[in-house]
Amino acid sequence: MKFKDGIPIYLQLTQEIANLILSGEYKPGERIQSVRELALVFGVNPNTVQKALVLAEEQGLVFAQGPEGRFVSEDERLITRLRKEAISKEVKEFLERLRQLGISRNEVIDYLKEEESEV
């Protein structure tokens, strides 16, 4: 994972964990890797991973189950709500970038309809 400057790494890790959950790569109730394993995967200090996981717990994305480790939330309403929020954010940013290029929302919709009909 390539980290962005100016944003604390633990926040970026928390977002990446959220993305893995929202994308379905981590399934509800699934045990996630240990702090040490994630530290190796992401190439960061285990303390940074621990901080990211604590934040993910506070957000309800994961929960700890004693010595057994951390697991993905089974709260499907939460995951669905967070997916919708992510979609909304991405679409708004996409439309804003296109608006800056002088492309209207209706042009985008027309283009998407054309693309869909060609599939």
PDB file of N, CA and C in Angstrom:
ATOM      1  N   MET A   1       0.852  -1.177   0.000  1.00  0.00           N
ATOM      2  CA  MET A   1       0.000   0.000   0.000  1.00  0.00           C
ATOM      3  C   MET A   1       0.895   1.236   0.000  1.00  0.00           C
ATOM      4  N   LYS A   2       0.556   2.187  -0.840  1.00  0.00           N
ATOM      5  CA  LYS A   2       1.298   3.439  -0.887  1.00  0.00           C
ATOM      6  C   LYS A   2       0.553   4.464  -0.035  1.00  0.00           C
ATOM      7  N   PHE A   3       1.261   5.056   0.902  1.00  0.00           N
ATOM      8  CA  PHE A   3       0.645   6.011   1.815  1.00  0.00           C
ATOM      9  C   PHE A   3       0.769   7.433   1.280  1.00  0.00           C
ATOM     10  N   LYS A   4      -0.254   8.236   1.579  1.00  0.00           N
ATOM     11  CA  LYS A   4      -0.280   9.639   1.156  1.00  0.00           C
ATOM     12  C   LYS A   4       0.368  10.510   2.220  1.00  0.00           C
ATOM     13  N   ASP A   5       1.085  11.512   1.765  1.00  0.00           N
ATOM     14  CA  ASP A   5       1.679  12.472   2.685  1.00  0.00           C
ATOM     15  C   ASP A   5       0.585  13.331   3.310  1.00  0.00           C
ATOM     16  N   GLY A   6       0.809  13.750   4.537  1.00  0.00           N
ATOM     17  CA  GLY A   6      -0.094  14.682   5.190  1.00  0.00           C
ATOM     18  C   GLY A   6      -1.287  14.045   5.879  1.00  0.00           C
ATOM     19  N   ILE A   7      -1.446  12.743   5.731  1.00  0.00           N
ATOM     20  CA  ILE A   7      -2.538  12.028   6.397  1.00  0.00           C
ATOM     21  C   ILE A   7      -1.899  10.956   7.269  1.00  0.00           C
ATOM     22  N   PRO A   8      -2.212  10.936   8.573  1.00  0.00           N
ATOM     23  CA  PRO A   8      -1.601   9.923   9.443  1.00  0.00           C
ATOM     24  C   PRO A   8      -1.809   8.506   8.897  1.00  0.00           C
ATOM     25  N   ILE A   9      -0.770   7.703   8.982  1.00  0.00           N
ATOM     26  CA  ILE A   9      -0.819   6.351   8.428  1.00  0.00           C
ATOM     27  C   ILE A   9      -1.921   5.525   9.077  1.00  0.00           C
ATOM     28  N   TYR A  10      -2.121   5.686  10.382  1.00  0.00           N
ATOM     29  CA  TYR A  10      -3.155   4.870  11.037  1.00  0.00           C
ATOM     30  C   TYR A  10      -4.536   5.182  10.471  1.00  0.00           C
ATOM     31  N   LEU A  11      -4.778   6.446  10.082  1.00  0.00           N
ATOM     32  CA  LEU A  11      -6.069   6.796   9.469  1.00  0.00           C
ATOM     33  C   LEU A  11      -6.201   6.154   8.085  1.00  0.00           C
ATOM     34  N   GLN A  12      -5.109   6.129   7.352  1.00  0.00           N
ATOM     35  CA  GLN A  12      -5.130   5.493   6.041  1.00  0.00           C
ATOM     36  C   GLN A  12      -5.350   3.981   6.167  1.00  0.00           C
ATOM     37  N   LEU A  13      -4.750   3.381   7.187  1.00  0.00           N
ATOM     38  CA  LEU A  13      -4.955   1.947   7.428  1.00  0.00           C
ATOM     39  C   LEU A  13      -6.394   1.661   7.820  1.00  0.00           C
ATOM     40  N   THR A  14      -6.962   2.507   8.663  1.00  0.00           N
ATOM     41  CA  THR A  14      -8.365   2.327   9.051  1.00  0.00           C
ATOM     42  C   THR A  14      -9.253   2.388   7.823  1.00  0.00           C
ATOM     43  N   GLN A  15      -8.977   3.335   6.922  1.00  0.00           N
ATOM     44  CA  GLN A  15      -9.763   3.449   5.693  1.00  0.00           C
ATOM     45  C   GLN A  15      -9.577   2.225   4.804  1.00  0.00           C
ATOM     46  N   GLU A  16      -8.359   1.712   4.743  1.00  0.00           N
ATOM     47  CA  GLU A  16      -8.112   0.517   3.935  1.00  0.00           C
ATOM     48  C   GLU A  16      -8.855  -0.689   4.508  1.00  0.00           C
ATOM     49  N   ILE A  17      -8.871  -0.828   5.807  1.00  0.00           N
ATOM     50  CA  ILE A  17      -9.627  -1.914   6.443  1.00  0.00           C
ATOM     51  C   ILE A  17     -11.110  -1.743   6.135  1.00  0.00           C
ATOM     52  N   ALA A  18     -11.608  -0.521   6.228  1.00  0.00           N
ATOM     53  CA  ALA A  18     -13.006  -0.246   5.883  1.00  0.00           C
ATOM     54  C   ALA A  18     -13.274  -0.630   4.429  1.00  0.00           C
ATOM     55  N   ASN A  19     -12.364  -0.267   3.540  1.00  0.00           N
ATOM     56  CA  ASN A  19     -12.536  -0.604   2.127  1.00  0.00           C
ATOM     57  C   ASN A  19     -12.589  -2.111   1.904  1.00  0.00           C
ATOM     58  N   LEU A  20     -11.749  -2.850   2.620  1.00  0.00           N
ATOM     59  CA  LEU A  20     -11.754  -4.311   2.503  1.00  0.00           C
ATOM     60  C   LEU A  20     -13.079  -4.900   2.982  1.00  0.00           C
ATOM     61  N   ILE A  21     -13.655  -4.282   3.995  1.00  0.00           N
ATOM     62  CA  ILE A  21     -14.954  -4.740   4.508  1.00  0.00           C
ATOM     63  C   ILE A  21     -16.061  -4.353   3.543  1.00  0.00           C
ATOM     64  N   LEU A  22     -16.062  -3.100   3.096  1.00  0.00           N
ATOM     65  CA  LEU A  22     -17.131  -2.614   2.225  1.00  0.00           C
ATOM     66  C   LEU A  22     -17.110  -3.286   0.861  1.00  0.00           C
ATOM     67  N   SER A  23     -15.924  -3.695   0.410  1.00  0.00           N
ATOM     68  CA  SER A  23     -15.818  -4.369  -0.883  1.00  0.00           C
ATOM     69  C   SER A  23     -16.223  -5.838  -0.799  1.00  0.00           C
ATOM     70  N   GLY A  24     -16.337  -6.339   0.426  1.00  0.00           N
ATOM     71  CA  GLY A  24     -16.695  -7.741   0.609  1.00  0.00           C
ATOM     72  C   GLY A  24     -15.497  -8.671   0.671  1.00  0.00           C
ATOM     73  N   GLU A  25     -14.291  -8.102   0.550  1.00  0.00           N
ATOM     74  CA  GLU A  25     -13.100  -8.944   0.657  1.00  0.00           C
ATOM     75  C   GLU A  25     -13.005  -9.544   2.059  1.00  0.00           C
ATOM     76  N   TYR A  26     -13.356  -8.741   3.065  1.00  0.00           N
ATOM     77  CA  TYR A  26     -13.511  -9.251   4.432  1.00  0.00           C
ATOM     78  C   TYR A  26     -15.016  -9.424   4.645  1.00  0.00           C
ATOM     79  N   LYS A  27     -15.423 -10.629   4.941  1.00  0.00           N
ATOM     80  CA  LYS A  27     -16.839 -10.956   5.106  1.00  0.00           C
ATOM     81  C   LYS A  27     -17.301 -10.724   6.543  1.00  0.00           C
ATOM     82  N   PRO A  28     -18.599 -10.406   6.740  1.00  0.00           N
ATOM     83  CA  PRO A  28     -19.128 -10.245   8.096  1.00  0.00           C
ATOM     84  C   PRO A  28     -18.833 -11.481   8.946  1.00  0.00           C
ATOM     85  N   GLY A  29     -18.319 -11.244  10.145  1.00  0.00           N
ATOM     86  CA  GLY A  29     -18.004 -12.326  11.068  1.00  0.00           C
ATOM     87  C   GLY A  29     -16.664 -12.993  10.835  1.00  0.00           C
ATOM     88  N   GLU A  30     -15.995 -12.644   9.757  1.00  0.00           N
ATOM     89  CA  GLU A  30     -14.702 -13.262   9.432  1.00  0.00           C
ATOM     90  C   GLU A  30     -13.600 -12.723  10.339  1.00  0.00           C
ATOM     91  N   ARG A  31     -12.719 -13.612  10.767  1.00  0.00           N
ATOM     92  CA  ARG A  31     -11.565 -13.198  11.561  1.00  0.00           C
ATOM     93  C   ARG A  31     -10.577 -12.514  10.631  1.00  0.00           C
ATOM     94  N   ILE A  32     -10.055 -11.371  11.070  1.00  0.00           N
ATOM     95  CA  ILE A  32      -9.043 -10.690  10.271  1.00  0.00           C
ATOM     96  C   ILE A  32      -7.663 -11.035  10.805  1.00  0.00           C
ATOM     97  N   GLN A  33      -6.650 -10.742  10.019  1.00  0.00           N
ATOM     98  CA  GLN A  33      -5.282 -11.071  10.404  1.00  0.00           C
ATOM     99  C   GLN A  33      -4.924 -10.387  11.723  1.00  0.00           C
ATOM    100  N   SER A  34      -3.918 -10.940  12.350  1.00  0.00           N
ATOM    101  CA  SER A  34      -3.430 -10.372  13.606  1.00  0.00           C
ATOM    102  C   SER A  34      -2.739  -9.039  13.326  1.00  0.00           C
ATOM    103  N   VAL A  35      -2.491  -8.305  14.397  1.00  0.00           N
ATOM    104  CA  VAL A  35      -1.782  -7.028  14.282  1.00  0.00           C
ATOM    105  C   VAL A  35      -0.439  -7.242  13.593  1.00  0.00           C
ATOM    106  N   ARG A  36       0.286  -8.255  14.016  1.00  0.00           N
ATOM    107  CA  ARG A  36       1.609  -8.519  13.428  1.00  0.00           C
ATOM    108  C   ARG A  36       1.510  -8.877  11.951  1.00  0.00           C
ATOM    109  N   GLU A  37       0.528  -9.701  11.609  1.00  0.00           N
ATOM    110  CA  GLU A  37       0.353 -10.073  10.204  1.00  0.00           C
ATOM    111  C   GLU A  37       0.007  -8.854   9.348  1.00  0.00           C
ATOM    112  N   LEU A  38      -0.894  -8.019   9.849  1.00  0.00           N
ATOM    113  CA  LEU A  38      -1.264  -6.812   9.103  1.00  0.00           C
ATOM    114  C   LEU A  38      -0.087  -5.852   8.994  1.00  0.00           C
ATOM    115  N   ALA A  39       0.723  -5.770  10.041  1.00  0.00           N
ATOM    116  CA  ALA A  39       1.901  -4.905  10.000  1.00  0.00           C
ATOM    117  C   ALA A  39       2.851  -5.349   8.883  1.00  0.00           C
ATOM    118  N   LEU A  40       3.007  -6.652   8.725  1.00  0.00           N
ATOM    119  CA  LEU A  40       3.847  -7.168   7.645  1.00  0.00           C
ATOM    120  C   LEU A  40       3.225  -6.886   6.280  1.00  0.00           C
ATOM    121  N   VAL A  41       1.928  -7.106   6.166  1.00  0.00           N
ATOM    122  CA  VAL A  41       1.228  -6.867   4.899  1.00  0.00           C
ATOM    123  C   VAL A  41       1.364  -5.410   4.466  1.00  0.00           C
ATOM    124  N   PHE A  42       1.158  -4.492   5.401  1.00  0.00           N
ATOM    125  CA  PHE A  42       1.173  -3.067   5.073  1.00  0.00           C
ATOM    126  C   PHE A  42       2.552  -2.430   5.203  1.00  0.00           C
ATOM    127  N   GLY A  43       3.501  -3.158   5.785  1.00  0.00           N
ATOM    128  CA  GLY A  43       4.856  -2.636   5.922  1.00  0.00           C
ATOM    129  C   GLY A  43       4.957  -1.489   6.906  1.00  0.00           C
ATOM    130  N   VAL A  44       4.226  -1.620   8.013  1.00  0.00           N
ATOM    131  CA  VAL A  44       4.239  -0.560   9.028  1.00  0.00           C
ATOM    132  C   VAL A  44       4.480  -1.169  10.407  1.00  0.00           C
ATOM    133  N   ASN A  45       4.671  -0.313  11.379  1.00  0.00           N
ATOM    134  CA  ASN A  45       4.885  -0.711  12.758  1.00  0.00           C
ATOM    135  C   ASN A  45       3.597  -1.328  13.328  1.00  0.00           C
ATOM    136  N   PRO A  46       3.693  -2.406  14.102  1.00  0.00           N
ATOM    137  CA  PRO A  46       2.499  -2.997  14.714  1.00  0.00           C
ATOM    138  C   PRO A  46       1.696  -2.001  15.566  1.00  0.00           C
ATOM    139  N   ASN A  47       2.376  -1.048  16.204  1.00  0.00           N
ATOM    140  CA  ASN A  47       1.643  -0.053  16.996  1.00  0.00           C
ATOM    141  C   ASN A  47       0.720   0.793  16.124  1.00  0.00           C
ATOM    142  N   THR A  48       1.140   1.064  14.894  1.00  0.00           N
ATOM    143  CA  THR A  48       0.316   1.828  13.957  1.00  0.00           C
ATOM    144  C   THR A  48      -0.917   1.021  13.567  1.00  0.00           C
ATOM    145  N   VAL A  49      -0.717  -0.265  13.328  1.00  0.00           N
ATOM    146  CA  VAL A  49      -1.846  -1.148  13.000  1.00  0.00           C
ATOM    147  C   VAL A  49      -2.802  -1.226  14.180  1.00  0.00           C
ATOM    148  N   GLN A  50      -2.261  -1.367  15.380  1.00  0.00           N
ATOM    149  CA  GLN A  50      -3.095  -1.438  16.579  1.00  0.00           C
ATOM    150  C   GLN A  50      -3.965  -0.192  16.698  1.00  0.00           C
ATOM    151  N   LYS A  51      -3.376   0.977  16.469  1.00  0.00           N
ATOM    152  CA  LYS A  51      -4.121   2.233  16.545  1.00  0.00           C
ATOM    153  C   LYS A  51      -5.230   2.265  15.490  1.00  0.00           C
ATOM    154  N   ALA A  52      -4.931   1.778  14.288  1.00  0.00           N
ATOM    155  CA  ALA A  52      -5.922   1.736  13.217  1.00  0.00           C
ATOM    156  C   ALA A  52      -7.069   0.791  13.577  1.00  0.00           C
ATOM    157  N   LEU A  53      -6.740  -0.349  14.164  1.00  0.00           N
ATOM    158  CA  LEU A  53      -7.781  -1.321  14.524  1.00  0.00           C
ATOM    159  C   LEU A  53      -8.652  -0.819  15.674  1.00  0.00           C
ATOM    160  N   VAL A  54      -8.055  -0.109  16.607  1.00  0.00           N
ATOM    161  CA  VAL A  54      -8.852   0.485  17.697  1.00  0.00           C
ATOM    162  C   VAL A  54      -9.861   1.462  17.110  1.00  0.00           C
ATOM    163  N   LEU A  55      -9.430   2.275  16.157  1.00  0.00           N
ATOM    164  CA  LEU A  55     -10.341   3.224  15.513  1.00  0.00           C
ATOM    165  C   LEU A  55     -11.426   2.478  14.732  1.00  0.00           C
ATOM    166  N   ALA A  56     -11.045   1.408  14.038  1.00  0.00           N
ATOM    167  CA  ALA A  56     -12.025   0.601  13.308  1.00  0.00           C
ATOM    168  C   ALA A  56     -13.050  -0.012  14.265  1.00  0.00           C
ATOM    169  N   GLU A  57     -12.587  -0.398  15.457  1.00  0.00           N
ATOM    170  CA  GLU A  57     -13.512  -0.905  16.483  1.00  0.00           C
ATOM    171  C   GLU A  57     -14.470   0.192  16.933  1.00  0.00           C
ATOM    172  N   GLU A  58     -13.928   1.384  17.174  1.00  0.00           N
ATOM    173  CA  GLU A  58     -14.759   2.507  17.612  1.00  0.00           C
ATOM    174  C   GLU A  58     -15.818   2.843  16.566  1.00  0.00           C
ATOM    175  N   GLN A  59     -15.491   2.632  15.299  1.00  0.00           N
ATOM    176  CA  GLN A  59     -16.437   2.895  14.211  1.00  0.00           C
ATOM    177  C   GLN A  59     -17.425   1.748  14.017  1.00  0.00           C
ATOM    178  N   GLY A  60     -17.205   0.649  14.735  1.00  0.00           N
ATOM    179  CA  GLY A  60     -18.104  -0.497  14.636  1.00  0.00           C
ATOM    180  C   GLY A  60     -17.789  -1.438  13.489  1.00  0.00           C
ATOM    181  N   LEU A  61     -16.673  -1.235  12.810  1.00  0.00           N
ATOM    182  CA  LEU A  61     -16.326  -2.067  11.664  1.00  0.00           C
ATOM    183  C   LEU A  61     -15.801  -3.438  12.061  1.00  0.00           C
ATOM    184  N   VAL A  62     -15.095  -3.489  13.184  1.00  0.00           N
ATOM    185  CA  VAL A  62     -14.559  -4.749  13.679  1.00  0.00           C
ATOM    186  C   VAL A  62     -14.831  -4.839  15.176  1.00  0.00           C
ATOM    187  N   PHE A  63     -14.728  -6.051  15.690  1.00  0.00           N
ATOM    188  CA  PHE A  63     -14.852  -6.226  17.133  1.00  0.00           C
ATOM    189  C   PHE A  63     -13.824  -7.243  17.590  1.00  0.00           C
ATOM    190  N   ALA A  64     -13.356  -7.060  18.819  1.00  0.00           N
ATOM    191  CA  ALA A  64     -12.361  -7.965  19.396  1.00  0.00           C
ATOM    192  C   ALA A  64     -13.080  -9.046  20.177  1.00  0.00           C
ATOM    193  N   GLN A  65     -12.528 -10.235  20.097  1.00  0.00           N
ATOM    194  CA  GLN A  65     -13.095 -11.357  20.841  1.00  0.00           C
ATOM    195  C   GLN A  65     -11.975 -12.043  21.612  1.00  0.00           C
ATOM    196  N   GLY A  66     -11.507 -11.320  22.640  1.00  0.00           N
ATOM    197  CA  GLY A  66     -10.462 -11.842  23.507  1.00  0.00           C
ATOM    198  C   GLY A  66      -9.240 -12.306  22.747  1.00  0.00           C
ATOM    199  N   PRO A  67      -8.683 -13.446  23.165  1.00  0.00           N
ATOM    200  CA  PRO A  67      -7.454 -13.931  22.528  1.00  0.00           C
ATOM    201  C   PRO A  67      -7.676 -14.495  21.125  1.00  0.00           C
ATOM    202  N   GLU A  68      -8.942 -14.638  20.724  1.00  0.00           N
ATOM    203  CA  GLU A  68      -9.242 -15.196  19.404  1.00  0.00           C
ATOM    204  C   GLU A  68      -8.980 -14.202  18.281  1.00  0.00           C
ATOM    205  N   GLY A  69      -8.883 -12.924  18.622  1.00  0.00           N
ATOM    206  CA  GLY A  69      -8.567 -11.927  17.609  1.00  0.00           C
ATOM    207  C   GLY A  69      -9.712 -10.975  17.323  1.00  0.00           C
ATOM    208  N   ARG A  70      -9.589 -10.324  16.192  1.00  0.00           N
ATOM    209  CA  ARG A  70     -10.611  -9.353  15.766  1.00  0.00           C
ATOM    210  C   ARG A  70     -11.384  -9.929  14.591  1.00  0.00           C
ATOM    211  N   PHE A  71     -12.648  -9.537  14.556  1.00  0.00           N
ATOM    212  CA  PHE A  71     -13.559 -10.042  13.546  1.00  0.00           C
ATOM    213  C   PHE A  71     -14.302  -8.882  12.891  1.00  0.00           C
ATOM    214  N   VAL A  72     -14.715  -9.107  11.647  1.00  0.00           N
ATOM    215  CA  VAL A  72     -15.492  -8.108  10.917  1.00  0.00           C
ATOM    216  C   VAL A  72     -16.884  -8.038  11.525  1.00  0.00           C
ATOM    217  N   SER A  73     -17.391  -6.828  11.622  1.00  0.00           N
ATOM    218  CA  SER A  73     -18.731  -6.613  12.150  1.00  0.00           C
ATOM    219  C   SER A  73     -19.752  -7.453  11.387  1.00  0.00           C
ATOM    220  N   GLU A  74     -20.722  -7.946  12.126  1.00  0.00           N
ATOM    221  CA  GLU A  74     -21.820  -8.681  11.506  1.00  0.00           C
ATOM    222  C   GLU A  74     -23.046  -7.787  11.325  1.00  0.00           C
ATOM    223  N   ASP A  75     -22.890  -6.497  11.611  1.00  0.00           N
ATOM    224  CA  ASP A  75     -23.966  -5.521  11.477  1.00  0.00           C
ATOM    225  C   ASP A  75     -24.108  -5.126  10.011  1.00  0.00           C
ATOM    226  N   GLU A  76     -24.944  -5.865   9.292  1.00  0.00           N
ATOM    227  CA  GLU A  76     -25.084  -5.640   7.858  1.00  0.00           C
ATOM    228  C   GLU A  76     -25.717  -4.284   7.547  1.00  0.00           C
ATOM    229  N   ARG A  77     -26.546  -3.772   8.452  1.00  0.00           N
ATOM    230  CA  ARG A  77     -27.122  -2.426   8.229  1.00  0.00           C
ATOM    231  C   ARG A  77     -26.016  -1.374   8.249  1.00  0.00           C
ATOM    232  N   LEU A  78     -25.073  -1.509   9.185  1.00  0.00           N
ATOM    233  CA  LEU A  78     -23.947  -0.583   9.251  1.00  0.00           C
ATOM    234  C   LEU A  78     -23.121  -0.658   7.974  1.00  0.00           C
ATOM    235  N   ILE A  79     -22.808  -1.864   7.535  1.00  0.00           N
ATOM    236  CA  ILE A  79     -22.000  -2.044   6.332  1.00  0.00           C
ATOM    237  C   ILE A  79     -22.729  -1.487   5.115  1.00  0.00           C
ATOM    238  N   THR A  80     -24.022  -1.732   5.004  1.00  0.00           N
ATOM    239  CA  THR A  80     -24.809  -1.194   3.891  1.00  0.00           C
ATOM    240  C   THR A  80     -24.819   0.327   3.922  1.00  0.00           C
ATOM    241  N   ARG A  81     -24.994   0.911   5.105  1.00  0.00           N
ATOM    242  CA  ARG A  81     -25.010   2.376   5.226  1.00  0.00           C
ATOM    243  C   ARG A  81     -23.655   2.959   4.831  1.00  0.00           C
ATOM    244  N   LEU A  82     -22.584   2.343   5.289  1.00  0.00           N
ATOM    245  CA  LEU A  82     -21.251   2.832   4.960  1.00  0.00           C
ATOM    246  C   LEU A  82     -20.947   2.678   3.468  1.00  0.00           C
ATOM    247  N   ARG A  83     -21.443   1.598   2.848  1.00  0.00           N
ATOM    248  CA  ARG A  83     -21.272   1.425   1.395  1.00  0.00           C
ATOM    249  C   ARG A  83     -21.990   2.547   0.645  1.00  0.00           C
ATOM    250  N   LYS A  84     -23.211   2.862   1.076  1.00  0.00           N
ATOM    251  CA  LYS A  84     -23.969   3.932   0.419  1.00  0.00           C
ATOM    252  C   LYS A  84     -23.264   5.271   0.586  1.00  0.00           C
ATOM    253  N   GLU A  85     -22.727   5.526   1.773  1.00  0.00           N
ATOM    254  CA  GLU A  85     -21.990   6.771   2.006  1.00  0.00           C
ATOM    255  C   GLU A  85     -20.750   6.843   1.114  1.00  0.00           C
ATOM    256  N   ALA A  86     -20.058   5.723   0.953  1.00  0.00           N
ATOM    257  CA  ALA A  86     -18.862   5.690   0.103  1.00  0.00           C
ATOM    258  C   ALA A  86     -19.237   5.937  -1.360  1.00  0.00           C
ATOM    259  N   ILE A  87     -20.313   5.313  -1.803  1.00  0.00           N
ATOM    260  CA  ILE A  87     -20.773   5.520  -3.178  1.00  0.00           C
ATOM    261  C   ILE A  87     -21.132   6.981  -3.394  1.00  0.00           C
ATOM    262  N   SER A  88     -21.882   7.540  -2.462  1.00  0.00           N
ATOM    263  CA  SER A  88     -22.301   8.936  -2.578  1.00  0.00           C
ATOM    264  C   SER A  88     -21.099   9.870  -2.661  1.00  0.00           C
ATOM    265  N   LYS A  89     -20.132   9.653  -1.801  1.00  0.00           N
ATOM    266  CA  LYS A  89     -18.931  10.497  -1.785  1.00  0.00           C
ATOM    267  C   LYS A  89     -18.189  10.404  -3.112  1.00  0.00           C
ATOM    268  N   GLU A  90     -17.984   9.196  -3.599  1.00  0.00           N
ATOM    269  CA  GLU A  90     -17.249   9.002  -4.851  1.00  0.00           C
ATOM    270  C   GLU A  90     -17.989   9.612  -6.038  1.00  0.00           C
ATOM    271  N   VAL A  91     -19.303   9.426  -6.091  1.00  0.00           N
ATOM    272  CA  VAL A  91     -20.091   9.967  -7.206  1.00  0.00           C
ATOM    273  C   VAL A  91     -20.065  11.492  -7.183  1.00  0.00           C
ATOM    274  N   LYS A  92     -20.209  12.080  -6.007  1.00  0.00           N
ATOM    275  CA  LYS A  92     -20.175  13.543  -5.908  1.00  0.00           C
ATOM    276  C   LYS A  92     -18.826  14.092  -6.357  1.00  0.00           C
ATOM    277  N   GLU A  93     -17.741  13.449  -5.933  1.00  0.00           N
ATOM    278  CA  GLU A  93     -16.408  13.899  -6.340  1.00  0.00           C
ATOM    279  C   GLU A  93     -16.213  13.732  -7.845  1.00  0.00           C
ATOM    280  N   PHE A  94     -16.690  12.612  -8.398  1.00  0.00           N
ATOM    281  CA  PHE A  94     -16.606  12.348  -9.832  1.00  0.00           C
ATOM    282  C   PHE A  94     -17.376  13.407 -10.620  1.00  0.00           C
ATOM    283  N   LEU A  95     -18.606  13.670 -10.205  1.00  0.00           N
ATOM    284  CA  LEU A  95     -19.419  14.665 -10.904  1.00  0.00           C
ATOM    285  C   LEU A  95     -18.814  16.061 -10.792  1.00  0.00           C
ATOM    286  N   GLU A  96     -18.217  16.379  -9.654  1.00  0.00           N
ATOM    287  CA  GLU A  96     -17.585  17.686  -9.487  1.00  0.00           C
ATOM    288  C   GLU A  96     -16.379  17.823 -10.422  1.00  0.00           C
ATOM    289  N   ARG A  97     -15.577  16.764 -10.544  1.00  0.00           N
ATOM    290  CA  ARG A  97     -14.429  16.819 -11.468  1.00  0.00           C
ATOM    291  C   ARG A  97     -14.903  17.017 -12.909  1.00  0.00           C
ATOM    292  N   LEU A  98     -15.974  16.334 -13.284  1.00  0.00           N
ATOM    293  CA  LEU A  98     -16.502  16.480 -14.637  1.00  0.00           C
ATOM    294  C   LEU A  98     -17.123  17.866 -14.844  1.00  0.00           C
ATOM    295  N   ARG A  99     -17.785  18.380 -13.810  1.00  0.00           N
ATOM    296  CA  ARG A  99     -18.359  19.719 -13.903  1.00  0.00           C
ATOM    297  C   ARG A  99     -17.262  20.744 -14.160  1.00  0.00           C
ATOM    298  N   GLN A 100     -16.124  20.548 -13.511  1.00  0.00           N
ATOM    299  CA  GLN A 100     -14.989  21.461 -13.717  1.00  0.00           C
ATOM    300  C   GLN A 100     -14.468  21.397 -15.151  1.00  0.00           C
ATOM    301  N   LEU A 101     -14.731  20.278 -15.821  1.00  0.00           N
ATOM    302  CA  LEU A 101     -14.345  20.130 -17.224  1.00  0.00           C
ATOM    303  C   LEU A 101     -15.447  20.617 -18.166  1.00  0.00           C
ATOM    304  N   GLY A 102     -16.534  21.109 -17.587  1.00  0.00           N
ATOM    305  CA  GLY A 102     -17.639  21.612 -18.401  1.00  0.00           C
ATOM    306  C   GLY A 102     -18.607  20.535 -18.847  1.00  0.00           C
ATOM    307  N   ILE A 103     -18.567  19.390 -18.198  1.00  0.00           N
ATOM    308  CA  ILE A 103     -19.446  18.278 -18.552  1.00  0.00           C
ATOM    309  C   ILE A 103     -20.608  18.248 -17.565  1.00  0.00           C
ATOM    310  N   SER A 104     -21.832  18.295 -18.097  1.00  0.00           N
ATOM    311  CA  SER A 104     -23.017  18.350 -17.237  1.00  0.00           C
ATOM    312  C   SER A 104     -23.396  16.968 -16.734  1.00  0.00           C
ATOM    313  N   ARG A 105     -24.194  16.966 -15.703  1.00  0.00           N
ATOM    314  CA  ARG A 105     -24.702  15.720 -15.130  1.00  0.00           C
ATOM    315  C   ARG A 105     -25.509  14.949 -16.179  1.00  0.00           C
ATOM    316  N   ASN A 106     -26.314  15.670 -16.958  1.00  0.00           N
ATOM    317  CA  ASN A 106     -27.122  15.012 -17.989  1.00  0.00           C
ATOM    318  C   ASN A 106     -26.245  14.363 -19.059  1.00  0.00           C
ATOM    319  N   GLU A 107     -25.123  15.008 -19.403  1.00  0.00           N
ATOM    320  CA  GLU A 107     -24.195  14.402 -20.359  1.00  0.00           C
ATOM    321  C   GLU A 107     -23.628  13.104 -19.799  1.00  0.00           C
ATOM    322  N   VAL A 108     -23.320  13.110 -18.523  1.00  0.00           N
ATOM    323  CA  VAL A 108     -22.796  11.906 -17.882  1.00  0.00           C
ATOM    324  C   VAL A 108     -23.843  10.794 -17.931  1.00  0.00           C
ATOM    325  N   ILE A 109     -25.074  11.141 -17.592  1.00  0.00           N
ATOM    326  CA  ILE A 109     -26.156  10.145 -17.600  1.00  0.00           C
ATOM    327  C   ILE A 109     -26.351   9.587 -19.004  1.00  0.00           C
ATOM    328  N   ASP A 110     -26.384  10.465 -20.010  1.00  0.00           N
ATOM    329  CA  ASP A 110     -26.533  10.006 -21.397  1.00  0.00           C
ATOM    330  C   ASP A 110     -25.395   9.073 -21.794  1.00  0.00           C
ATOM    331  N   TYR A 111     -24.179   9.432 -21.410  1.00  0.00           N
ATOM    332  CA  TYR A 111     -23.021   8.606 -21.738  1.00  0.00           C
ATOM    333  C   TYR A 111     -23.130   7.238 -21.069  1.00  0.00           C
ATOM    334  N   LEU A 112     -23.523   7.226 -19.811  1.00  0.00           N
ATOM    335  CA  LEU A 112     -23.659   5.954 -19.095  1.00  0.00           C
ATOM    336  C   LEU A 112     -24.717   5.078 -19.747  1.00  0.00           C
ATOM    337  N   LYS A 113     -25.811   5.676 -20.184  1.00  0.00           N
ATOM    338  CA  LYS A 113     -26.856   4.903 -20.871  1.00  0.00           C
ATOM    339  C   LYS A 113     -26.324   4.314 -22.169  1.00  0.00           C
ATOM    340  N   GLU A 114     -25.532   5.106 -22.906  1.00  0.00           N
ATOM    341  CA  GLU A 114     -24.930   4.598 -24.148  1.00  0.00           C
ATOM    342  C   GLU A 114     -24.012   3.426 -23.862  1.00  0.00           C
ATOM    343  N   GLU A 115     -23.176   3.572 -22.863  1.00  0.00           N
ATOM    344  CA  GLU A 115     -22.238   2.515 -22.506  1.00  0.00           C
ATOM    345  C   GLU A 115     -22.976   1.247 -22.085  1.00  0.00           C
ATOM    346  N   GLU A 116     -24.053   1.423 -21.325  1.00  0.00           N
ATOM    347  CA  GLU A 116     -24.814   0.269 -20.851  1.00  0.00           C
ATOM    348  C   GLU A 116     -25.459  -0.460 -22.007  1.00  0.00           C
ATOM    349  N   SER A 117     -25.953   0.271 -22.988  1.00  0.00           N
ATOM    350  CA  SER A 117     -26.615  -0.370 -24.128  1.00  0.00           C
ATOM    351  C   SER A 117     -25.618  -1.112 -25.016  1.00  0.00           C
ATOM    352  N   GLU A 118     -24.332  -0.747 -24.964  1.00  0.00           N
ATOM    353  CA  GLU A 118     -23.312  -1.407 -25.759  1.00  0.00           C
ATOM    354  C   GLU A 118     -22.792  -2.687 -25.106  1.00  0.00           C
ATOM    355  N   VAL A 119     -23.129  -2.868 -23.853  1.00  0.00           N
ATOM    356  CA  VAL A 119     -22.618  -4.054 -23.115  1.00  0.00           C
ATOM    357  C   VAL A 119     -23.428  -5.268 -23.442  1.00  0.00           C
TER     358      VAL A 119
END
